[in-house]
Amino acid sequence: MFNLSEEEIKQHDAVHTSSEIYQQPKVWEKLMTELEGNQASFQQFLSSIYEKYPHVRVIFSGAGTSAFVGDTLVPELTKVNEKNVSFESIATTNIVSNPTSYFIKDTPTILVSFARSGNSPESVATVELGQKIVTDFYQVVITCNKNGQLAKNVQGDEKSIVLLMPEESNDQSLAMTSSFSCMFAAAYALFAAHTNIETSMKQAIRNGLDFVDVVGNYVDDVLEFDFNRVVYLGSGGLAQLSHEAALKMLELSGGQVTAIPESSLGFRHGPKSILNDESLVVLFMSKDAYTKKYDLDILRELSAADNEMKIVALVEEACEEVGKLADWQISVNIDEKEVENDFYLSLVYIIFGQVLAMKKSIQLGITPDNPSPDGAISRVVKGVTIYDY
């Protein structure tokens, strides 16, 4: 698995992390099968809300990786939006400390809570605040843990639905991997159900199954370069995906590798100063022809820089110009048919970021399943005080 033997995986304490990354395409397949049986009732729930009000706010919320699920979704869902529905992504960590800055009393709101465990104090508190502040308040809980507080709290509530992810997605490792991609896919399937999602997800699953078997080769080549800084770049939803990729590197390297996310255009506005001879830049390239022009511009600029940094470009299909400009060009679509949009590329792109972080962790002598043995960070956040509102 990822060019690691079973013995090496056990020796480096990477059993959970490696298997949870590798299993993702199969878990997506199981997820789509399970959703199919409930899709009609889920759509009826949403339609009844959309039809009742002239405008509905959908707020995606979570903390850390769970917040990045919503961040990455919003640009893509906005393109396939229902006319009277607006999508926003607001972290629970922002809402809890400033609830009246984000919840609007007289605006009908669907709060979509993303949660691996469903027990994070900020997630539970965000729901309670929404119920207190918003007059017409509804919930969609997307969680990997049927026994979590979020799932339990909405049992029997007619104004709420729960999407339980396949049990395998309830990652046991510290860093969220399959839980991220599974909740990401579930929310898109729910809110973009009127698109060609069944066919496109089957393609993404095929691409993912192929990629998990070859990504280790690419990562091993990249790790020949001894980097201590990583920059993840992209545009639109892929700029948001870069947040999750950077967080994986930061978590799994125990903070030894500096990792920052930025947009392809935004990188020039200050963050570019981070680059040095020990920097790796990973560019998630859009499939949109217009957007891709901006990705190519920053790639050309970085390629021409007078330093020893290296560049990885992830693309839908290999391109001659990208091949000349990047040190590594990695294509993720094995089909002759084009991928529908950047959402489906994101599902496969993030696997590269996850594997790179895991194998860098091992290279640094850190244990991926528990990269924070001093307890600086934990699987479920601790030490949060929630004050009465």
Protein backbone atom coordinates (compact mmCIF):
# COMPACT_ATOMS: atom_id res chain seq x y z
CA MET A 1 0.00 0.00 0.00
CA PHE A 2 1.61 3.28 -1.17
CA ASN A 3 4.88 1.32 -1.62
CA LEU A 4 4.92 0.40 2.07
CA SER A 5 4.91 -3.20 3.27
CA GLU A 6 2.58 -4.32 6.06
CA GLU A 7 5.58 -4.56 8.35
CA GLU A 8 6.67 -0.99 7.55
CA ILE A 9 3.16 0.33 8.08
CA LYS A 10 2.97 -1.30 11.51
CA GLN A 11 6.51 -0.26 12.41
CA HIS A 12 5.76 3.40 11.65
CA ASP A 13 2.35 3.31 13.38
CA ALA A 14 0.52 4.19 10.17
CA VAL A 15 -2.03 1.36 10.12
CA HIS A 16 -5.14 3.52 10.43
CA THR A 17 -3.93 6.47 8.37
CA SER A 18 -2.75 4.40 5.41
CA SER A 19 -5.85 2.19 5.25
CA GLU A 20 -8.23 5.14 5.71
CA ILE A 21 -6.61 6.99 2.80
CA TYR A 22 -6.51 3.91 0.58
CA GLN A 23 -10.13 2.85 1.19
CA GLN A 24 -11.69 6.15 0.06
CA PRO A 25 -12.92 5.26 -3.47
CA LYS A 26 -14.58 2.10 -2.15
CA VAL A 27 -16.19 4.05 0.68
CA TRP A 28 -17.52 6.61 -1.84
CA GLU A 29 -19.07 3.72 -3.76
CA LYS A 30 -20.73 2.38 -0.61
CA LEU A 31 -21.90 5.87 0.28
CA MET A 32 -23.62 6.41 -3.07
CA THR A 33 -25.42 3.07 -2.74
CA GLU A 34 -26.62 3.93 0.76
CA LEU A 35 -27.74 7.43 -0.26
CA GLU A 36 -29.74 6.09 -3.16
CA GLY A 37 -32.24 4.49 -0.81
CA ASN A 38 -32.86 7.73 1.08
CA GLN A 39 -32.44 10.31 -1.67
CA ALA A 40 -36.18 10.74 -2.32
CA SER A 41 -37.00 11.52 1.32
CA PHE A 42 -33.97 13.82 1.62
CA GLN A 43 -35.00 15.76 -1.48
CA GLN A 44 -38.57 16.02 -0.23
CA PHE A 45 -37.24 17.52 3.03
CA LEU A 46 -35.21 20.16 1.17
CA SER A 47 -37.91 20.92 -1.41
CA SER A 48 -40.50 21.53 1.30
CA ILE A 49 -38.23 24.21 2.80
CA TYR A 50 -37.28 25.79 -0.54
CA GLU A 51 -40.94 26.05 -1.56
CA LYS A 52 -42.06 27.54 1.75
CA TYR A 53 -39.85 30.65 1.68
CA PRO A 54 -38.77 33.22 -0.94
CA HIS A 55 -35.15 32.88 0.20
CA VAL A 56 -33.31 30.16 2.14
CA ARG A 57 -29.81 30.31 3.58
CA VAL A 58 -27.81 27.09 3.64
CA ILE A 59 -24.87 27.37 6.03
CA PHE A 60 -22.19 24.68 5.93
CA SER A 61 -20.42 24.46 9.26
CA GLY A 62 -17.77 22.50 11.08
CA ALA A 63 -14.37 22.97 12.70
CA GLY A 64 -10.97 22.35 11.16
CA THR A 65 -11.21 19.77 8.37
CA SER A 66 -15.00 19.67 8.75
CA ALA A 67 -15.11 23.42 8.06
CA PHE A 68 -13.02 22.93 4.93
CA VAL A 69 -15.65 20.52 3.56
CA GLY A 70 -18.09 23.42 3.32
CA ASP A 71 -15.48 25.91 2.12
CA THR A 72 -14.61 23.65 -0.82
CA LEU A 73 -18.25 22.90 -1.67
CA VAL A 74 -19.64 26.43 -1.84
CA PRO A 75 -18.01 27.55 -5.14
CA GLU A 76 -19.16 24.41 -6.95
CA LEU A 77 -22.69 24.34 -5.50
CA THR A 78 -23.15 28.02 -6.30
CA LYS A 79 -22.82 27.11 -9.99
CA VAL A 80 -25.72 24.64 -9.78
CA ASN A 81 -27.79 26.65 -7.32
CA GLU A 82 -31.54 26.59 -6.81
CA LYS A 83 -32.82 30.10 -7.58
CA ASN A 84 -33.91 31.05 -4.07
CA VAL A 85 -31.11 29.28 -2.16
CA SER A 86 -27.77 30.76 -1.14
CA PHE A 87 -24.84 28.68 0.09
CA GLU A 88 -22.36 29.91 2.69
CA SER A 89 -19.60 28.24 4.70
CA ILE A 90 -19.03 29.52 8.24
CA ALA A 91 -16.85 27.62 10.72
CA THR A 92 -18.42 26.68 14.04
CA THR A 93 -15.38 28.25 15.67
CA ASN A 94 -16.52 31.61 14.27
CA ILE A 95 -20.22 31.20 15.01
CA VAL A 96 -19.82 30.16 18.66
CA SER A 97 -17.87 33.25 19.68
CA ASN A 98 -19.90 35.67 17.52
CA PRO A 99 -23.35 34.14 16.90
CA THR A 100 -25.19 37.37 16.04
CA SER A 101 -22.59 38.16 13.39
CA TYR A 102 -23.64 35.08 11.45
CA PHE A 103 -27.16 33.96 12.37
CA ILE A 104 -29.99 36.22 11.13
CA LYS A 105 -33.21 35.96 13.11
CA ASP A 106 -35.71 36.45 10.26
CA THR A 107 -33.88 34.56 7.50
CA PRO A 108 -34.91 30.89 7.12
CA THR A 109 -31.75 28.84 7.57
CA ILE A 110 -30.64 25.26 7.00
CA LEU A 111 -27.56 24.55 9.11
CA VAL A 112 -25.51 21.71 7.63
CA SER A 113 -23.23 20.33 10.32
CA PHE A 114 -20.20 18.33 9.19
CA ALA A 115 -18.69 16.15 11.90
CA ARG A 116 -16.56 13.05 12.12
CA SER A 117 -17.35 12.33 15.78
CA GLY A 118 -20.31 14.67 16.23
CA ASN A 119 -19.04 15.47 19.71
CA SER A 120 -17.00 18.62 19.17
CA PRO A 121 -18.21 21.23 21.67
CA GLU A 122 -18.35 23.99 19.06
CA SER A 123 -20.55 21.91 16.74
CA VAL A 124 -23.08 21.14 19.47
CA ALA A 125 -23.06 24.76 20.65
CA THR A 126 -23.57 26.11 17.11
CA VAL A 127 -26.81 24.15 16.79
CA GLU A 128 -28.06 25.41 20.15
CA LEU A 129 -27.28 29.01 19.17
CA GLY A 130 -29.07 28.63 15.83
CA GLN A 131 -32.14 27.28 17.57
CA LYS A 132 -32.16 30.24 19.97
CA ILE A 133 -31.54 32.98 17.41
CA VAL A 134 -33.15 31.93 14.09
CA THR A 135 -36.94 31.78 13.90
CA ASP A 136 -37.16 29.25 11.04
CA PHE A 137 -34.23 26.93 11.72
CA TYR A 138 -33.60 23.55 10.09
CA GLN A 139 -30.76 21.06 10.32
CA VAL A 140 -28.91 18.62 8.10
CA VAL A 141 -26.40 16.59 10.10
CA ILE A 142 -23.73 14.87 8.00
CA THR A 143 -21.66 12.73 10.34
CA CYS A 144 -19.52 9.61 10.49
CA ASN A 145 -20.64 8.65 13.99
CA LYS A 146 -24.20 7.46 14.60
CA ASN A 147 -23.57 7.65 18.35
CA GLY A 148 -22.31 11.23 18.32
CA GLN A 149 -24.14 14.02 20.11
CA LEU A 150 -25.16 15.79 16.89
CA ALA A 151 -26.89 12.70 15.52
CA LYS A 152 -28.58 11.89 18.83
CA ASN A 153 -29.87 15.42 19.36
CA VAL A 154 -32.00 15.46 16.19
CA GLN A 155 -33.69 12.10 16.64
CA GLY A 156 -37.44 12.60 16.20
CA ASP A 157 -37.01 16.21 15.05
CA GLU A 158 -39.17 16.86 11.99
CA LYS A 159 -37.08 19.92 11.11
CA SER A 160 -33.89 17.88 10.78
CA ILE A 161 -32.40 15.02 8.81
CA VAL A 162 -29.25 12.97 9.40
CA LEU A 163 -26.95 11.60 6.71
CA LEU A 164 -24.87 8.87 8.31
CA MET A 165 -21.66 8.09 6.48
CA PRO A 166 -20.48 4.50 6.03
CA GLU A 167 -18.96 3.22 9.26
CA GLU A 168 -15.52 2.88 7.66
CA SER A 169 -15.32 6.66 7.22
CA ASN A 170 -15.23 7.23 10.99
CA ASP A 171 -11.44 7.57 10.87
CA GLN A 172 -9.56 6.25 13.90
CA SER A 173 -6.37 8.14 13.06
CA LEU A 174 -5.93 11.68 14.35
CA ALA A 175 -6.02 13.33 10.92
CA MET A 176 -9.31 13.18 9.03
CA THR A 177 -8.98 11.63 5.55
CA SER A 178 -11.82 9.38 4.41
CA SER A 179 -14.20 11.25 6.70
CA PHE A 180 -13.40 14.46 4.80
CA SER A 181 -13.93 13.07 1.31
CA CYS A 182 -16.99 11.05 2.30
CA MET A 183 -18.83 14.02 3.87
CA PHE A 184 -17.72 16.14 0.90
CA ALA A 185 -19.25 13.67 -1.57
CA ALA A 186 -22.42 13.23 0.50
CA ALA A 187 -23.17 16.95 0.69
CA TYR A 188 -22.63 17.44 -3.03
CA ALA A 189 -24.90 14.48 -3.78
CA LEU A 190 -27.58 15.97 -1.55
CA PHE A 191 -27.52 19.57 -2.75
CA ALA A 192 -26.66 18.91 -6.42
CA ALA A 193 -28.94 15.92 -6.84
CA HIS A 194 -30.47 17.42 -10.01
CA THR A 195 -27.09 17.20 -11.82
CA ASN A 196 -25.51 14.20 -13.53
CA ILE A 197 -24.09 13.01 -10.24
CA GLU A 198 -24.53 9.24 -10.58
CA THR A 199 -22.48 8.96 -13.77
CA SER A 200 -19.88 11.50 -12.65
CA MET A 201 -19.38 9.85 -9.26
CA LYS A 202 -18.83 6.49 -10.93
CA GLN A 203 -16.08 8.12 -12.99
CA ALA A 204 -14.55 9.70 -9.87
CA ILE A 205 -14.59 6.32 -8.14
CA ARG A 206 -12.79 4.69 -11.08
CA ASN A 207 -10.22 7.47 -11.11
CA GLY A 208 -9.77 7.16 -7.36
CA LEU A 209 -9.34 3.39 -7.48
CA ASP A 210 -6.62 3.82 -10.09
CA PHE A 211 -4.94 6.72 -8.29
CA VAL A 212 -4.57 5.08 -4.86
CA ASP A 213 -2.52 2.33 -6.56
CA VAL A 214 -0.08 4.69 -8.30
CA VAL A 215 0.10 7.78 -6.10
CA GLY A 216 2.79 6.22 -3.92
CA ASN A 217 5.17 6.24 -6.90
CA TYR A 218 4.66 9.97 -7.47
CA VAL A 219 5.01 10.77 -3.78
CA ASP A 220 8.22 8.78 -3.43
CA ASP A 221 9.74 10.74 -6.33
CA VAL A 222 8.71 14.05 -4.74
CA LEU A 223 10.14 13.01 -1.37
CA GLU A 224 13.58 12.71 -2.94
CA PHE A 225 13.49 16.51 -2.65
CA ASP A 226 14.12 17.45 0.99
CA PHE A 227 11.52 20.20 1.48
CA ASN A 228 10.54 21.85 4.75
CA ARG A 229 7.89 24.21 3.35
CA VAL A 230 4.82 23.35 1.27
CA VAL A 231 2.51 25.74 -0.54
CA TYR A 232 -0.80 24.47 -1.92
CA LEU A 233 -2.42 26.57 -4.65
CA GLY A 234 -5.65 26.44 -6.64
CA SER A 235 -8.55 28.56 -7.88
CA GLY A 236 -12.20 28.62 -6.80
CA GLY A 237 -13.09 25.45 -4.91
CA LEU A 238 -9.56 24.15 -5.45
CA ALA A 239 -8.19 27.18 -3.58
CA GLN A 240 -10.36 26.05 -0.67
CA LEU A 241 -9.21 22.44 -1.07
CA SER A 242 -5.66 23.72 -0.57
CA HIS A 243 -6.62 24.53 3.05
CA GLU A 244 -7.35 20.88 3.74
CA ALA A 245 -4.18 19.67 1.99
CA ALA A 246 -2.04 22.15 3.94
CA LEU A 247 -3.68 21.14 7.23
CA LYS A 248 -2.90 17.47 6.57
CA MET A 249 0.79 18.28 6.11
CA LEU A 250 0.86 20.46 9.22
CA GLU A 251 -0.90 17.82 11.35
CA LEU A 252 0.97 14.76 10.14
CA SER A 253 4.40 16.41 10.24
CA GLY A 254 3.77 17.50 13.81
CA GLY A 255 4.29 21.09 12.69
CA GLN A 256 7.82 20.39 11.41
CA VAL A 257 6.81 21.27 7.85
CA THR A 258 5.40 24.74 7.32
CA ALA A 259 2.34 24.43 5.08
CA ILE A 260 0.22 27.26 3.72
CA PRO A 261 -2.80 27.41 1.36
CA GLU A 262 -3.53 30.20 -1.11
CA SER A 263 -5.31 30.94 -4.37
CA SER A 264 -3.38 31.04 -7.63
CA LEU A 265 -4.02 34.78 -7.95
CA GLY A 266 -3.74 35.60 -4.26
CA PHE A 267 -0.29 34.05 -3.87
CA ARG A 268 1.45 37.08 -5.36
CA HIS A 269 -0.07 39.40 -2.77
CA GLY A 270 2.40 38.69 0.01
CA PRO A 271 2.32 34.91 0.66
CA LYS A 272 4.84 34.34 -2.16
CA SER A 273 7.52 35.63 0.21
CA ILE A 274 7.53 32.22 1.93
CA LEU A 275 9.38 30.58 -0.98
CA ASN A 276 12.97 29.48 -0.56
CA ASP A 277 15.25 26.74 -1.90
CA GLU A 278 13.58 24.14 0.34
CA SER A 279 10.01 24.87 -0.76
CA LEU A 280 7.58 22.59 -2.57
CA VAL A 281 4.63 24.12 -4.42
CA VAL A 282 1.63 21.91 -5.22
CA LEU A 283 -0.81 23.36 -7.75
CA PHE A 284 -4.32 21.94 -8.06
CA MET A 285 -5.18 22.92 -11.65
CA SER A 286 -8.78 23.65 -12.61
CA LYS A 287 -10.44 21.97 -15.57
CA ASP A 288 -12.35 25.16 -16.40
CA ALA A 289 -10.71 26.69 -19.48
CA TYR A 290 -11.03 30.28 -18.22
CA THR A 291 -9.91 29.57 -14.67
CA LYS A 292 -7.03 27.43 -15.87
CA LYS A 293 -5.44 30.47 -17.54
CA TYR A 294 -4.74 31.94 -14.11
CA ASP A 295 -3.35 28.64 -12.83
CA LEU A 296 -1.02 28.49 -15.82
CA ASP A 297 0.11 32.07 -15.24
CA ILE A 298 1.31 31.37 -11.70
CA LEU A 299 2.89 28.11 -12.88
CA ARG A 300 4.87 29.99 -15.54
CA GLU A 301 5.95 32.58 -12.98
CA LEU A 302 7.05 29.98 -10.43
CA SER A 303 8.86 27.92 -13.05
CA ALA A 304 10.89 30.97 -14.07
CA ALA A 305 11.92 31.82 -10.49
CA ASP A 306 15.62 31.88 -9.66
CA ASN A 307 15.68 29.36 -6.83
CA GLU A 308 15.78 25.60 -6.17
CA MET A 309 12.14 25.08 -5.20
CA LYS A 310 10.15 22.31 -6.87
CA ILE A 311 6.65 22.29 -8.35
CA VAL A 312 3.99 19.57 -8.54
CA ALA A 313 1.03 20.20 -10.84
CA LEU A 314 -2.05 18.00 -10.50
CA VAL A 315 -4.14 18.03 -13.67
CA GLU A 316 -7.13 16.28 -15.16
CA GLU A 317 -5.14 15.22 -18.23
CA ALA A 318 -1.45 15.63 -19.05
CA CYS A 319 -0.58 18.78 -21.00
CA GLU A 320 2.66 19.48 -22.86
CA GLU A 321 3.12 22.99 -21.47
CA VAL A 322 2.47 21.93 -17.87
CA GLY A 323 4.90 19.05 -18.35
CA LYS A 324 7.65 21.51 -19.31
CA LEU A 325 6.94 23.96 -16.49
CA ALA A 326 6.37 21.64 -13.51
CA ASP A 327 8.90 19.26 -12.00
CA TRP A 328 6.13 16.69 -11.69
CA GLN A 329 2.88 16.63 -13.66
CA ILE A 330 0.31 14.20 -12.25
CA SER A 331 -2.87 13.46 -14.20
CA VAL A 332 -5.83 11.92 -12.37
CA ASN A 333 -8.37 11.07 -15.08
CA ILE A 334 -8.00 7.65 -16.68
CA ASP A 335 -11.20 7.97 -18.72
CA GLU A 336 -11.49 9.22 -22.28
CA LYS A 337 -14.49 11.24 -21.12
CA GLU A 338 -13.79 14.60 -19.44
CA VAL A 339 -14.43 15.05 -15.73
CA GLU A 340 -17.58 17.13 -15.25
CA ASN A 341 -16.20 19.82 -12.94
CA ASP A 342 -13.60 20.64 -10.28
CA PHE A 343 -15.61 18.96 -7.51
CA TYR A 344 -14.83 15.56 -9.01
CA LEU A 345 -11.17 16.48 -9.44
CA SER A 346 -11.05 17.56 -5.78
CA LEU A 347 -12.02 14.07 -4.62
CA VAL A 348 -8.93 12.60 -6.29
CA TYR A 349 -6.55 15.55 -5.86
CA ILE A 350 -6.85 15.45 -2.07
CA ILE A 351 -5.56 11.87 -2.02
CA PHE A 352 -2.19 13.18 -3.22
CA GLY A 353 -2.06 15.69 -0.36
CA GLN A 354 -3.00 13.01 2.17
CA VAL A 355 -0.38 10.51 0.98
CA LEU A 356 2.33 13.16 0.70
CA ALA A 357 1.65 14.21 4.30
CA MET A 358 1.61 10.64 5.59
CA LYS A 359 4.86 9.63 3.89
CA LYS A 360 6.58 12.89 4.88
CA SER A 361 5.53 12.11 8.45
CA ILE A 362 7.20 8.71 8.22
CA GLN A 363 10.30 10.26 6.62
CA LEU A 364 10.57 12.64 9.60
CA GLY A 365 10.29 9.77 12.07
CA ILE A 366 6.80 10.75 13.21
CA THR A 367 3.95 8.26 13.69
CA PRO A 368 1.07 9.22 11.34
CA ASP A 369 -1.67 7.62 13.44
CA ASN A 370 -0.63 9.77 16.40
CA PRO A 371 1.56 12.64 15.19
CA SER A 372 0.98 14.61 18.40
CA PRO A 373 1.98 12.30 21.28
CA ASP A 374 2.29 15.31 23.63
CA GLY A 375 -1.45 15.93 23.20
CA ALA A 376 -1.08 19.35 21.60
CA ILE A 377 -3.89 18.32 19.24
CA SER A 378 -6.32 15.43 19.62
CA ARG A 379 -8.85 13.47 17.58
CA VAL A 380 -11.73 15.26 19.32
CA VAL A 381 -10.82 18.77 20.44
CA LYS A 382 -10.45 19.30 24.18
CA GLY A 383 -10.20 22.32 26.47
CA VAL A 384 -13.05 24.36 24.95
CA THR A 385 -15.30 26.29 27.32
CA ILE A 386 -18.78 27.07 25.97
CA TYR A 387 -20.38 30.05 27.67
CA ASP A 388 -24.11 30.59 28.14
CA TYR A 389 -25.66 32.89 25.57
